[in-house]
Amino acid sequence: MPNENEVRDFLMSRRARIAPELVGLPLPWASLGGFVVAAVLLVVGHGSAPVVLGAAVLWGLTFGGAAPQLQSALTIAGGTESDLANAFLPVAFNLAISAAGLVGALLIAVSGGLVLAVSMAVLGALALVVTVVGRQTFAGRA
């Protein structure tokens, strides 16, 4: 392969390591922003199969990285007790999933399926605000 040195050099260069943080956008903010966009797409385009499919793909991309991001934040916030803090992450996930199933079922029974997308947008926007404000709290601990 005649270009293998160029490919290797690019992969080892700084250009290949551009991450959201390097352009001024922390990864949790990018993920939560994409999550909110996916929710808005579901609300606005719920009648269009391609829009719903695109929103589902975007949701999967943004939500898939939540666990490592939360674990990283817990490790930073936990300091010397980071092992103890990280032990609570699976418990929190299990409680959140079961509570979301219960609340989601109640919301669907009362209001229909579209309320889930609206709830997703509101809660995602709230989480984005919390992470933007909370960034100042963790800035000195990193």
Foldseek 3Di string as FASTA:
>chain_A
DVCPVVVVVVCPDVVVVDDCVNVPHDLLLVLLVLQLVLLVLCLVVVVDPVSPVVSVVSNCVSVVCPLVVVLVVLLLVCPVNSVVSNVCSVVVVVVVVVVCVVVQVVCCVVPNDNVVSVVSNVVSVVVSVCCVVCCVVSVVRD
